Amino acid sequence: QVQLVESGGGLAQAGGSLRLSCAASGIIFADSTVRWFRQAPGKQRELVATVSSDGRTSYLDSVKGRFTISRDNAKNTGFLQMNGLKYEDTGVYYCNILRIGSSYWGQGTRVTVSS
């Protein structure tokens, strides 16, 4: 069975950095698309970043130039490097892995940015 475990969330000051990790098991990771979502209280969940199996990336406009999504297929792990954090980045961040006909979610890791 598939399991995704996020880590790396916590408290950061505005302008600081955090690195989120998504460790996957029970899946052919290298053939999958990795995505990061986030959800702030009272708001809809939004797609933050995507990295495809061939390494192509895309980002939410508000995080471009500050966040970097990457993957280490040998470690079955995806990452989200977050620099220049803003208060508006606060929320629970979820890792999502896509394969044909399937979507898998982690439990989420909370990010809090102080103003």
PDB file of N, CA and C in Angstrom:
ATOM      1  N   GLN A   1       0.827  -1.183   0.000  1.00  0.00           N
ATOM      2  CA  GLN A   1       0.000   0.000   0.000  1.00  0.00           C
ATOM      3  C   GLN A   1       0.874   1.250   0.000  1.00  0.00           C
ATOM      4  N   VAL A   2       0.297   2.347  -0.462  1.00  0.00           N
ATOM      5  CA  VAL A   2       1.028   3.589  -0.623  1.00  0.00           C
ATOM      6  C   VAL A   2       0.980   4.396   0.669  1.00  0.00           C
ATOM      7  N   GLN A   3       2.126   4.962   1.042  1.00  0.00           N
ATOM      8  CA  GLN A   3       2.195   5.830   2.203  1.00  0.00           C
ATOM      9  C   GLN A   3       3.045   7.053   1.870  1.00  0.00           C
ATOM     10  N   LEU A   4       2.551   8.230   2.217  1.00  0.00           N
ATOM     11  CA  LEU A   4       3.272   9.479   2.050  1.00  0.00           C
ATOM     12  C   LEU A   4       3.380  10.155   3.412  1.00  0.00           C
ATOM     13  N   VAL A   5       4.587  10.552   3.789  1.00  0.00           N
ATOM     14  CA  VAL A   5       4.821  11.192   5.078  1.00  0.00           C
ATOM     15  C   VAL A   5       5.528  12.514   4.853  1.00  0.00           C
ATOM     16  N   GLU A   6       4.863  13.616   5.212  1.00  0.00           N
ATOM     17  CA  GLU A   6       5.455  14.942   5.105  1.00  0.00           C
ATOM     18  C   GLU A   6       6.194  15.303   6.392  1.00  0.00           C
ATOM     19  N   SER A   7       7.222  16.114   6.252  1.00  0.00           N
ATOM     20  CA  SER A   7       7.952  16.621   7.401  1.00  0.00           C
ATOM     21  C   SER A   7       8.583  17.954   7.033  1.00  0.00           C
ATOM     22  N   GLY A   8       9.085  18.662   8.032  1.00  0.00           N
ATOM     23  CA  GLY A   8       9.809  19.904   7.804  1.00  0.00           C
ATOM     24  C   GLY A   8       9.037  21.164   8.109  1.00  0.00           C
ATOM     25  N   GLY A   9       7.756  21.043   8.428  1.00  0.00           N
ATOM     26  CA  GLY A   9       6.988  22.218   8.788  1.00  0.00           C
ATOM     27  C   GLY A   9       7.382  22.740  10.154  1.00  0.00           C
ATOM     28  N   GLY A  10       6.889  23.913  10.472  1.00  0.00           N
ATOM     29  CA  GLY A  10       7.194  24.533  11.749  1.00  0.00           C
ATOM     30  C   GLY A  10       6.955  26.017  11.696  1.00  0.00           C
ATOM     31  N   LEU A  11       7.622  26.711  12.600  1.00  0.00           N
ATOM     32  CA  LEU A  11       7.482  28.161  12.728  1.00  0.00           C
ATOM     33  C   LEU A  11       8.684  28.856  12.112  1.00  0.00           C
ATOM     34  N   ALA A  12       8.425  29.865  11.307  1.00  0.00           N
ATOM     35  CA  ALA A  12       9.484  30.672  10.718  1.00  0.00           C
ATOM     36  C   ALA A  12       9.090  32.134  10.763  1.00  0.00           C
ATOM     37  N   GLN A  13      10.087  32.986  10.809  1.00  0.00           N
ATOM     38  CA  GLN A  13       9.838  34.416  10.716  1.00  0.00           C
ATOM     39  C   GLN A  13       9.701  34.832   9.262  1.00  0.00           C
ATOM     40  N   ALA A  14       9.004  35.922   9.027  1.00  0.00           N
ATOM     41  CA  ALA A  14       8.918  36.472   7.682  1.00  0.00           C
ATOM     42  C   ALA A  14      10.320  36.692   7.130  1.00  0.00           C
ATOM     43  N   GLY A  15      10.524  36.268   5.886  1.00  0.00           N
ATOM     44  CA  GLY A  15      11.834  36.347   5.269  1.00  0.00           C
ATOM     45  C   GLY A  15      12.687  35.114   5.477  1.00  0.00           C
ATOM     46  N   GLY A  16      12.254  34.189   6.329  1.00  0.00           N
ATOM     47  CA  GLY A  16      13.003  32.984   6.611  1.00  0.00           C
ATOM     48  C   GLY A  16      12.729  31.878   5.618  1.00  0.00           C
ATOM     49  N   SER A  17      13.250  30.679   5.932  1.00  0.00           N
ATOM     50  CA  SER A  17      13.157  29.540   5.033  1.00  0.00           C
ATOM     51  C   SER A  17      12.752  28.276   5.766  1.00  0.00           C
ATOM     52  N   LEU A  18      12.076  27.394   5.048  1.00  0.00           N
ATOM     53  CA  LEU A  18      11.775  26.051   5.499  1.00  0.00           C
ATOM     54  C   LEU A  18      11.917  25.103   4.316  1.00  0.00           C
ATOM     55  N   ARG A  19      12.246  23.858   4.606  1.00  0.00           N
ATOM     56  CA  ARG A  19      12.335  22.827   3.573  1.00  0.00           C
ATOM     57  C   ARG A  19      11.416  21.680   3.954  1.00  0.00           C
ATOM     58  N   LEU A  20      10.405  21.432   3.146  1.00  0.00           N
ATOM     59  CA  LEU A  20       9.469  20.356   3.367  1.00  0.00           C
ATOM     60  C   LEU A  20       9.904  19.111   2.604  1.00  0.00           C
ATOM     61  N   SER A  21       9.674  17.949   3.204  1.00  0.00           N
ATOM     62  CA  SER A  21       9.984  16.679   2.577  1.00  0.00           C
ATOM     63  C   SER A  21       8.741  15.813   2.505  1.00  0.00           C
ATOM     64  N   CYS A  22       8.672  14.984   1.480  1.00  0.00           N
ATOM     65  CA  CYS A  22       7.582  14.032   1.293  1.00  0.00           C
ATOM     66  C   CYS A  22       8.200  12.686   0.963  1.00  0.00           C
ATOM     67  N   ALA A  23       8.219  11.797   1.939  1.00  0.00           N
ATOM     68  CA  ALA A  23       8.798  10.468   1.764  1.00  0.00           C
ATOM     69  C   ALA A  23       7.705   9.492   1.351  1.00  0.00           C
ATOM     70  N   ALA A  24       7.911   8.830   0.228  1.00  0.00           N
ATOM     71  CA  ALA A  24       6.918   7.931  -0.337  1.00  0.00           C
ATOM     72  C   ALA A  24       7.374   6.486  -0.262  1.00  0.00           C
ATOM     73  N   SER A  25       6.427   5.596  -0.071  1.00  0.00           N
ATOM     74  CA  SER A  25       6.693   4.166  -0.105  1.00  0.00           C
ATOM     75  C   SER A  25       5.514   3.456  -0.747  1.00  0.00           C
ATOM     76  N   GLY A  26       5.765   2.274  -1.284  1.00  0.00           N
ATOM     77  CA  GLY A  26       4.708   1.487  -1.884  1.00  0.00           C
ATOM     78  C   GLY A  26       4.249   1.980  -3.244  1.00  0.00           C
ATOM     79  N   ILE A  27       5.101   2.734  -3.939  1.00  0.00           N
ATOM     80  CA  ILE A  27       4.749   3.306  -5.231  1.00  0.00           C
ATOM     81  C   ILE A  27       5.995   3.385  -6.102  1.00  0.00           C
ATOM     82  N   ILE A  28       5.789   3.314  -7.413  1.00  0.00           N
ATOM     83  CA  ILE A  28       6.892   3.539  -8.340  1.00  0.00           C
ATOM     84  C   ILE A  28       7.068   5.047  -8.460  1.00  0.00           C
ATOM     85  N   PHE A  29       7.875   5.599  -7.591  1.00  0.00           N
ATOM     86  CA  PHE A  29       7.964   7.038  -7.412  1.00  0.00           C
ATOM     87  C   PHE A  29       8.450   7.749  -8.664  1.00  0.00           C
ATOM     88  N   ALA A  30       9.438   7.185  -9.337  1.00  0.00           N
ATOM     89  CA  ALA A  30      10.058   7.853 -10.476  1.00  0.00           C
ATOM     90  C   ALA A  30       9.083   8.070 -11.631  1.00  0.00           C
ATOM     91  N   ASP A  31       8.024   7.307 -11.705  1.00  0.00           N
ATOM     92  CA  ASP A  31       7.038   7.422 -12.776  1.00  0.00           C
ATOM     93  C   ASP A  31       5.884   8.350 -12.433  1.00  0.00           C
ATOM     94  N   SER A  32       5.948   9.006 -11.287  1.00  0.00           N
ATOM     95  CA  SER A  32       4.825   9.758 -10.758  1.00  0.00           C
ATOM     96  C   SER A  32       5.079  11.260 -10.781  1.00  0.00           C
ATOM     97  N   THR A  33       3.986  12.006 -10.768  1.00  0.00           N
ATOM     98  CA  THR A  33       4.024  13.452 -10.609  1.00  0.00           C
ATOM     99  C   THR A  33       3.871  13.793  -9.129  1.00  0.00           C
ATOM    100  N   VAL A  34       4.718  14.695  -8.644  1.00  0.00           N
ATOM    101  CA  VAL A  34       4.666  15.142  -7.257  1.00  0.00           C
ATOM    102  C   VAL A  34       4.113  16.554  -7.213  1.00  0.00           C
ATOM    103  N   ARG A  35       3.155  16.782  -6.338  1.00  0.00           N
ATOM    104  CA  ARG A  35       2.562  18.093  -6.168  1.00  0.00           C
ATOM    105  C   ARG A  35       2.523  18.458  -4.693  1.00  0.00           C
ATOM    106  N   TRP A  36       2.606  19.754  -4.420  1.00  0.00           N
ATOM    107  CA  TRP A  36       2.391  20.288  -3.086  1.00  0.00           C
ATOM    108  C   TRP A  36       1.179  21.212  -3.115  1.00  0.00           C
ATOM    109  N   PHE A  37       0.278  20.990  -2.179  1.00  0.00           N
ATOM    110  CA  PHE A  37      -0.877  21.847  -1.951  1.00  0.00           C
ATOM    111  C   PHE A  37      -0.751  22.505  -0.581  1.00  0.00           C
ATOM    112  N   ARG A  38      -1.507  23.564  -0.376  1.00  0.00           N
ATOM    113  CA  ARG A  38      -1.601  24.147   0.954  1.00  0.00           C
ATOM    114  C   ARG A  38      -3.024  24.627   1.199  1.00  0.00           C
ATOM    115  N   GLN A  39      -3.368  24.715   2.474  1.00  0.00           N
ATOM    116  CA  GLN A  39      -4.686  25.179   2.857  1.00  0.00           C
ATOM    117  C   GLN A  39      -4.573  26.042   4.107  1.00  0.00           C
ATOM    118  N   ALA A  40      -5.003  27.278   3.983  1.00  0.00           N
ATOM    119  CA  ALA A  40      -5.059  28.188   5.109  1.00  0.00           C
ATOM    120  C   ALA A  40      -6.445  28.114   5.741  1.00  0.00           C
ATOM    121  N   PRO A  41      -6.561  28.451   7.029  1.00  0.00           N
ATOM    122  CA  PRO A  41      -7.868  28.406   7.683  1.00  0.00           C
ATOM    123  C   PRO A  41      -8.906  29.244   6.953  1.00  0.00           C
ATOM    124  N   GLY A  42     -10.058  28.652   6.695  1.00  0.00           N
ATOM    125  CA  GLY A  42     -11.141  29.355   6.033  1.00  0.00           C
ATOM    126  C   GLY A  42     -10.985  29.530   4.543  1.00  0.00           C
ATOM    127  N   LYS A  43      -9.958  28.924   3.951  1.00  0.00           N
ATOM    128  CA  LYS A  43      -9.718  29.072   2.531  1.00  0.00           C
ATOM    129  C   LYS A  43      -9.701  27.713   1.838  1.00  0.00           C
ATOM    130  N   GLN A  44      -9.858  27.751   0.525  1.00  0.00           N
ATOM    131  CA  GLN A  44      -9.794  26.541  -0.276  1.00  0.00           C
ATOM    132  C   GLN A  44      -8.356  26.040  -0.384  1.00  0.00           C
ATOM    133  N   ARG A  45      -8.209  24.734  -0.515  1.00  0.00           N
ATOM    134  CA  ARG A  45      -6.904  24.164  -0.770  1.00  0.00           C
ATOM    135  C   ARG A  45      -6.439  24.594  -2.159  1.00  0.00           C
ATOM    136  N   GLU A  46      -5.171  24.996  -2.269  1.00  0.00           N
ATOM    137  CA  GLU A  46      -4.645  25.461  -3.534  1.00  0.00           C
ATOM    138  C   GLU A  46      -3.364  24.733  -3.902  1.00  0.00           C
ATOM    139  N   LEU A  47      -3.172  24.562  -5.190  1.00  0.00           N
ATOM    140  CA  LEU A  47      -1.968  23.929  -5.709  1.00  0.00           C
ATOM    141  C   LEU A  47      -0.819  24.922  -5.656  1.00  0.00           C
ATOM    142  N   VAL A  48       0.286  24.519  -5.031  1.00  0.00           N
ATOM    143  CA  VAL A  48       1.441  25.387  -4.850  1.00  0.00           C
ATOM    144  C   VAL A  48       2.516  25.131  -5.899  1.00  0.00           C
ATOM    145  N   ALA A  49       2.839  23.863  -6.134  1.00  0.00           N
ATOM    146  CA  ALA A  49       3.928  23.534  -7.046  1.00  0.00           C
ATOM    147  C   ALA A  49       3.776  22.112  -7.548  1.00  0.00           C
ATOM    148  N   THR A  50       4.331  21.850  -8.726  1.00  0.00           N
ATOM    149  CA  THR A  50       4.283  20.547  -9.364  1.00  0.00           C
ATOM    150  C   THR A  50       5.632  20.223  -9.985  1.00  0.00           C
ATOM    151  N   VAL A  51       6.068  18.984  -9.856  1.00  0.00           N
ATOM    152  CA  VAL A  51       7.204  18.497 -10.618  1.00  0.00           C
ATOM    153  C   VAL A  51       6.808  17.170 -11.261  1.00  0.00           C
ATOM    154  N   SER A  52       6.963  17.078 -12.573  1.00  0.00           N
ATOM    155  CA  SER A  52       6.591  15.887 -13.309  1.00  0.00           C
ATOM    156  C   SER A  52       7.705  14.855 -13.262  1.00  0.00           C
ATOM    157  N   SER A  53       7.417  13.674 -13.804  1.00  0.00           N
ATOM    158  CA  SER A  53       8.410  12.603 -13.805  1.00  0.00           C
ATOM    159  C   SER A  53       9.637  12.942 -14.644  1.00  0.00           C
ATOM    160  N   ASP A  54       9.484  13.823 -15.631  1.00  0.00           N
ATOM    161  CA  ASP A  54      10.617  14.233 -16.452  1.00  0.00           C
ATOM    162  C   ASP A  54      11.289  15.508 -15.945  1.00  0.00           C
ATOM    163  N   GLY A  55      10.893  15.984 -14.758  1.00  0.00           N
ATOM    164  CA  GLY A  55      11.566  17.095 -14.121  1.00  0.00           C
ATOM    165  C   GLY A  55      10.997  18.470 -14.396  1.00  0.00           C
ATOM    166  N   ARG A  56       9.956  18.573 -15.184  1.00  0.00           N
ATOM    167  CA  ARG A  56       9.342  19.873 -15.450  1.00  0.00           C
ATOM    168  C   ARG A  56       8.611  20.372 -14.216  1.00  0.00           C
ATOM    169  N   THR A  57       8.698  21.674 -13.962  1.00  0.00           N
ATOM    170  CA  THR A  57       8.106  22.267 -12.771  1.00  0.00           C
ATOM    171  C   THR A  57       7.128  23.370 -13.127  1.00  0.00           C
ATOM    172  N   SER A  58       6.182  23.604 -12.238  1.00  0.00           N
ATOM    173  CA  SER A  58       5.277  24.731 -12.346  1.00  0.00           C
ATOM    174  C   SER A  58       4.917  25.196 -10.948  1.00  0.00           C
ATOM    175  N   TYR A  59       4.520  26.489 -10.830  1.00  0.00           N
ATOM    176  CA  TYR A  59       4.315  27.096  -9.528  1.00  0.00           C
ATOM    177  C   TYR A  59       3.104  28.006  -9.522  1.00  0.00           C
ATOM    178  N   LEU A  60       2.499  28.110  -8.360  1.00  0.00           N
ATOM    179  CA  LEU A  60       1.519  29.143  -8.110  1.00  0.00           C
ATOM    180  C   LEU A  60       2.192  30.505  -8.282  1.00  0.00           C
ATOM    181  N   ASP A  61       1.515  31.446  -8.918  1.00  0.00           N
ATOM    182  CA  ASP A  61       2.122  32.735  -9.216  1.00  0.00           C
ATOM    183  C   ASP A  61       2.703  33.420  -7.971  1.00  0.00           C
ATOM    184  N   SER A  62       2.021  33.330  -6.853  1.00  0.00           N
ATOM    185  CA  SER A  62       2.435  34.046  -5.663  1.00  0.00           C
ATOM    186  C   SER A  62       3.701  33.480  -5.008  1.00  0.00           C
ATOM    187  N   VAL A  63       4.143  32.292  -5.413  1.00  0.00           N
ATOM    188  CA  VAL A  63       5.354  31.705  -4.836  1.00  0.00           C
ATOM    189  C   VAL A  63       6.508  31.648  -5.823  1.00  0.00           C
ATOM    190  N   LYS A  64       6.290  32.048  -7.060  1.00  0.00           N
ATOM    191  CA  LYS A  64       7.356  32.022  -8.063  1.00  0.00           C
ATOM    192  C   LYS A  64       8.531  32.879  -7.618  1.00  0.00           C
ATOM    193  N   GLY A  65       9.725  32.334  -7.770  1.00  0.00           N
ATOM    194  CA  GLY A  65      10.929  33.032  -7.355  1.00  0.00           C
ATOM    195  C   GLY A  65      11.289  32.836  -5.905  1.00  0.00           C
ATOM    196  N   ARG A  66      10.382  32.261  -5.116  1.00  0.00           N
ATOM    197  CA  ARG A  66      10.641  32.027  -3.697  1.00  0.00           C
ATOM    198  C   ARG A  66      10.677  30.539  -3.339  1.00  0.00           C
ATOM    199  N   PHE A  67       9.835  29.742  -3.985  1.00  0.00           N
ATOM    200  CA  PHE A  67       9.743  28.311  -3.696  1.00  0.00           C
ATOM    201  C   PHE A  67      10.368  27.507  -4.830  1.00  0.00           C
ATOM    202  N   THR A  68      10.951  26.365  -4.479  1.00  0.00           N
ATOM    203  CA  THR A  68      11.505  25.446  -5.461  1.00  0.00           C
ATOM    204  C   THR A  68      11.057  24.026  -5.135  1.00  0.00           C
ATOM    205  N   ILE A  69      10.429  23.365  -6.101  1.00  0.00           N
ATOM    206  CA  ILE A  69      10.040  21.977  -5.929  1.00  0.00           C
ATOM    207  C   ILE A  69      11.089  21.087  -6.595  1.00  0.00           C
ATOM    208  N   SER A  70      11.393  19.962  -5.974  1.00  0.00           N
ATOM    209  CA  SER A  70      12.383  19.042  -6.517  1.00  0.00           C
ATOM    210  C   SER A  70      12.064  17.624  -6.063  1.00  0.00           C
ATOM    211  N   ARG A  71      12.829  16.676  -6.588  1.00  0.00           N
ATOM    212  CA  ARG A  71      12.619  15.283  -6.222  1.00  0.00           C
ATOM    213  C   ARG A  71      13.932  14.532  -6.262  1.00  0.00           C
ATOM    214  N   ASP A  72      14.049  13.515  -5.423  1.00  0.00           N
ATOM    215  CA  ASP A  72      15.185  12.607  -5.408  1.00  0.00           C
ATOM    216  C   ASP A  72      14.611  11.210  -5.588  1.00  0.00           C
ATOM    217  N   ASN A  73      14.629  10.724  -6.821  1.00  0.00           N
ATOM    218  CA  ASN A  73      14.002   9.440  -7.104  1.00  0.00           C
ATOM    219  C   ASN A  73      14.702   8.277  -6.406  1.00  0.00           C
ATOM    220  N   ALA A  74      16.006   8.387  -6.194  1.00  0.00           N
ATOM    221  CA  ALA A  74      16.739   7.338  -5.497  1.00  0.00           C
ATOM    222  C   ALA A  74      16.290   7.204  -4.051  1.00  0.00           C
ATOM    223  N   LYS A  75      15.787   8.294  -3.474  1.00  0.00           N
ATOM    224  CA  LYS A  75      15.312   8.303  -2.094  1.00  0.00           C
ATOM    225  C   LYS A  75      13.790   8.243  -1.992  1.00  0.00           C
ATOM    226  N   ASN A  76      13.102   8.188  -3.122  1.00  0.00           N
ATOM    227  CA  ASN A  76      11.636   8.200  -3.147  1.00  0.00           C
ATOM    228  C   ASN A  76      11.074   9.375  -2.343  1.00  0.00           C
ATOM    229  N   THR A  77      11.669  10.541  -2.543  1.00  0.00           N
ATOM    230  CA  THR A  77      11.314  11.706  -1.746  1.00  0.00           C
ATOM    231  C   THR A  77      11.151  12.942  -2.617  1.00  0.00           C
ATOM    232  N   GLY A  78      10.115  13.714  -2.343  1.00  0.00           N
ATOM    233  CA  GLY A  78       9.918  15.016  -2.950  1.00  0.00           C
ATOM    234  C   GLY A  78      10.190  16.107  -1.940  1.00  0.00           C
ATOM    235  N   PHE A  79      10.521  17.295  -2.427  1.00  0.00           N
ATOM    236  CA  PHE A  79      10.885  18.411  -1.559  1.00  0.00           C
ATOM    237  C   PHE A  79      10.195  19.688  -2.017  1.00  0.00           C
ATOM    238  N   LEU A  80      10.010  20.581  -1.072  1.00  0.00           N
ATOM    239  CA  LEU A  80       9.607  21.940  -1.372  1.00  0.00           C
ATOM    240  C   LEU A  80      10.467  22.873  -0.535  1.00  0.00           C
ATOM    241  N   GLN A  81      11.399  23.561  -1.194  1.00  0.00           N
ATOM    242  CA  GLN A  81      12.237  24.547  -0.532  1.00  0.00           C
ATOM    243  C   GLN A  81      11.514  25.886  -0.575  1.00  0.00           C
ATOM    244  N   MET A  82      11.278  26.473   0.577  1.00  0.00           N
ATOM    245  CA  MET A  82      10.532  27.714   0.688  1.00  0.00           C
ATOM    246  C   MET A  82      11.443  28.790   1.268  1.00  0.00           C
ATOM    247  N   ASN A  83      11.742  29.782   0.458  1.00  0.00           N
ATOM    248  CA  ASN A  83      12.571  30.909   0.872  1.00  0.00           C
ATOM    249  C   ASN A  83      11.750  32.187   0.843  1.00  0.00           C
ATOM    250  N   GLY A  84      12.250  33.193   1.516  1.00  0.00           N
ATOM    251  CA  GLY A  84      11.551  34.472   1.543  1.00  0.00           C
ATOM    252  C   GLY A  84      10.118  34.347   2.013  1.00  0.00           C
ATOM    253  N   LEU A  85       9.911  33.584   3.076  1.00  0.00           N
ATOM    254  CA  LEU A  85       8.553  33.295   3.540  1.00  0.00           C
ATOM    255  C   LEU A  85       7.800  34.556   3.937  1.00  0.00           C
ATOM    256  N   LYS A  86       6.520  34.536   3.652  1.00  0.00           N
ATOM    257  CA  LYS A  86       5.612  35.614   4.002  1.00  0.00           C
ATOM    258  C   LYS A  86       4.513  35.087   4.911  1.00  0.00           C
ATOM    259  N   TYR A  87       3.875  35.987   5.639  1.00  0.00           N
ATOM    260  CA  TYR A  87       2.780  35.585   6.507  1.00  0.00           C
ATOM    261  C   TYR A  87       1.696  34.845   5.719  1.00  0.00           C
ATOM    262  N   GLU A  88       1.462  35.252   4.493  1.00  0.00           N
ATOM    263  CA  GLU A  88       0.440  34.646   3.654  1.00  0.00           C
ATOM    264  C   GLU A  88       0.740  33.196   3.279  1.00  0.00           C
ATOM    265  N   ASP A  89       1.963  32.734   3.509  1.00  0.00           N
ATOM    266  CA  ASP A  89       2.322  31.342   3.242  1.00  0.00           C
ATOM    267  C   ASP A  89       1.875  30.397   4.347  1.00  0.00           C
ATOM    268  N   THR A  90       1.358  30.925   5.425  1.00  0.00           N
ATOM    269  CA  THR A  90       0.908  30.110   6.547  1.00  0.00           C
ATOM    270  C   THR A  90      -0.210  29.160   6.128  1.00  0.00           C
ATOM    271  N   GLY A  91      -0.117  27.916   6.563  1.00  0.00           N
ATOM    272  CA  GLY A  91      -1.143  26.932   6.276  1.00  0.00           C
ATOM    273  C   GLY A  91      -0.612  25.523   6.455  1.00  0.00           C
ATOM    274  N   VAL A  92      -1.469  24.557   6.208  1.00  0.00           N
ATOM    275  CA  VAL A  92      -1.065  23.161   6.219  1.00  0.00           C
ATOM    276  C   VAL A  92      -0.688  22.763   4.799  1.00  0.00           C
ATOM    277  N   TYR A  93       0.494  22.198   4.649  1.00  0.00           N
ATOM    278  CA  TYR A  93       1.010  21.807   3.343  1.00  0.00           C
ATOM    279  C   TYR A  93       0.898  20.301   3.177  1.00  0.00           C
ATOM    280  N   TYR A  94       0.355  19.891   2.033  1.00  0.00           N
ATOM    281  CA  TYR A  94       0.104  18.490   1.741  1.00  0.00           C
ATOM    282  C   TYR A  94       0.866  18.050   0.504  1.00  0.00           C
ATOM    283  N   CYS A  95       1.491  16.904   0.598  1.00  0.00           N
ATOM    284  CA  CYS A  95       2.104  16.263  -0.552  1.00  0.00           C
ATOM    285  C   CYS A  95       1.065  15.397  -1.253  1.00  0.00           C
ATOM    286  N   ASN A  96       1.071  15.432  -2.569  1.00  0.00           N
ATOM    287  CA  ASN A  96       0.163  14.623  -3.377  1.00  0.00           C
ATOM    288  C   ASN A  96       0.942  13.992  -4.514  1.00  0.00           C
ATOM    289  N   ILE A  97       0.742  12.707  -4.721  1.00  0.00           N
ATOM    290  CA  ILE A  97       1.397  11.994  -5.813  1.00  0.00           C
ATOM    291  C   ILE A  97       0.347  11.473  -6.770  1.00  0.00           C
ATOM    292  N   LEU A  98       0.575  11.739  -8.052  1.00  0.00           N
ATOM    293  CA  LEU A  98      -0.332  11.314  -9.112  1.00  0.00           C
ATOM    294  C   LEU A  98       0.292  10.221  -9.964  1.00  0.00           C
ATOM    295  N   ARG A  99      -0.466   9.177 -10.194  1.00  0.00           N
ATOM    296  CA  ARG A  99      -0.197   8.200 -11.229  1.00  0.00           C
ATOM    297  C   ARG A  99      -1.457   8.073 -12.051  1.00  0.00           C
ATOM    298  N   ILE A 100      -1.374   7.402 -13.178  1.00  0.00           N
ATOM    299  CA  ILE A 100      -2.536   7.239 -14.038  1.00  0.00           C
ATOM    300  C   ILE A 100      -3.667   6.584 -13.250  1.00  0.00           C
ATOM    301  N   GLY A 101      -4.771   7.326 -13.102  1.00  0.00           N
ATOM    302  CA  GLY A 101      -5.947   6.812 -12.436  1.00  0.00           C
ATOM    303  C   GLY A 101      -5.901   6.802 -10.927  1.00  0.00           C
ATOM    304  N   SER A 102      -4.825   7.313 -10.319  1.00  0.00           N
ATOM    305  CA  SER A 102      -4.684   7.273  -8.868  1.00  0.00           C
ATOM    306  C   SER A 102      -4.101   8.568  -8.331  1.00  0.00           C
ATOM    307  N   SER A 103      -4.502   8.930  -7.128  1.00  0.00           N
ATOM    308  CA  SER A 103      -3.989  10.098  -6.433  1.00  0.00           C
ATOM    309  C   SER A 103      -3.825   9.746  -4.959  1.00  0.00           C
ATOM    310  N   TYR A 104      -2.666  10.092  -4.375  1.00  0.00           N
ATOM    311  CA  TYR A 104      -2.360   9.743  -2.997  1.00  0.00           C
ATOM    312  C   TYR A 104      -1.964  10.984  -2.218  1.00  0.00           C
ATOM    313  N   TRP A 105      -2.372  11.036  -0.946  1.00  0.00           N
ATOM    314  CA  TRP A 105      -2.162  12.207  -0.097  1.00  0.00           C
ATOM    315  C   TRP A 105      -1.437  11.849   1.185  1.00  0.00           C
ATOM    316  N   GLY A 106      -0.587  12.764   1.635  1.00  0.00           N
ATOM    317  CA  GLY A 106      -0.007  12.666   2.959  1.00  0.00           C
ATOM    318  C   GLY A 106      -0.917  13.307   3.998  1.00  0.00           C
ATOM    319  N   GLN A 107      -0.496  13.253   5.252  1.00  0.00           N
ATOM    320  CA  GLN A 107      -1.294  13.799   6.349  1.00  0.00           C
ATOM    321  C   GLN A 107      -1.149  15.305   6.503  1.00  0.00           C
ATOM    322  N   GLY A 108      -0.131  15.890   5.912  1.00  0.00           N
ATOM    323  CA  GLY A 108       0.085  17.321   5.974  1.00  0.00           C
ATOM    324  C   GLY A 108       1.105  17.713   7.028  1.00  0.00           C
ATOM    325  N   THR A 109       1.749  18.836   6.805  1.00  0.00           N
ATOM    326  CA  THR A 109       2.666  19.417   7.776  1.00  0.00           C
ATOM    327  C   THR A 109       2.377  20.914   7.870  1.00  0.00           C
ATOM    328  N   ARG A 110       2.313  21.413   9.080  1.00  0.00           N
ATOM    329  CA  ARG A 110       1.870  22.786   9.293  1.00  0.00           C
ATOM    330  C   ARG A 110       3.032  23.763   9.204  1.00  0.00           C
ATOM    331  N   VAL A 111       2.798  24.855   8.480  1.00  0.00           N
ATOM    332  CA  VAL A 111       3.757  25.941   8.345  1.00  0.00           C
ATOM    333  C   VAL A 111       3.130  27.202   8.909  1.00  0.00           C
ATOM    334  N   THR A 112       3.829  27.833   9.843  1.00  0.00           N
ATOM    335  CA  THR A 112       3.372  29.085  10.424  1.00  0.00           C
ATOM    336  C   THR A 112       4.459  30.136  10.245  1.00  0.00           C
ATOM    337  N   VAL A 113       4.108  31.247   9.639  1.00  0.00           N
ATOM    338  CA  VAL A 113       5.051  32.333   9.399  1.00  0.00           C
ATOM    339  C   VAL A 113       4.604  33.540  10.204  1.00  0.00           C
ATOM    340  N   SER A 114       5.466  34.018  11.072  1.00  0.00           N
ATOM    341  CA  SER A 114       5.152  35.179  11.883  1.00  0.00           C
ATOM    342  C   SER A 114       5.406  36.450  11.083  1.00  0.00           C
ATOM    343  N   SER A 115       4.577  37.447  11.312  1.00  0.00           N
ATOM    344  CA  SER A 115       4.688  38.694  10.570  1.00  0.00           C
ATOM    345  C   SER A 115       5.737  39.609  11.189  1.00  0.00           C
TER     346      SER A 115
END
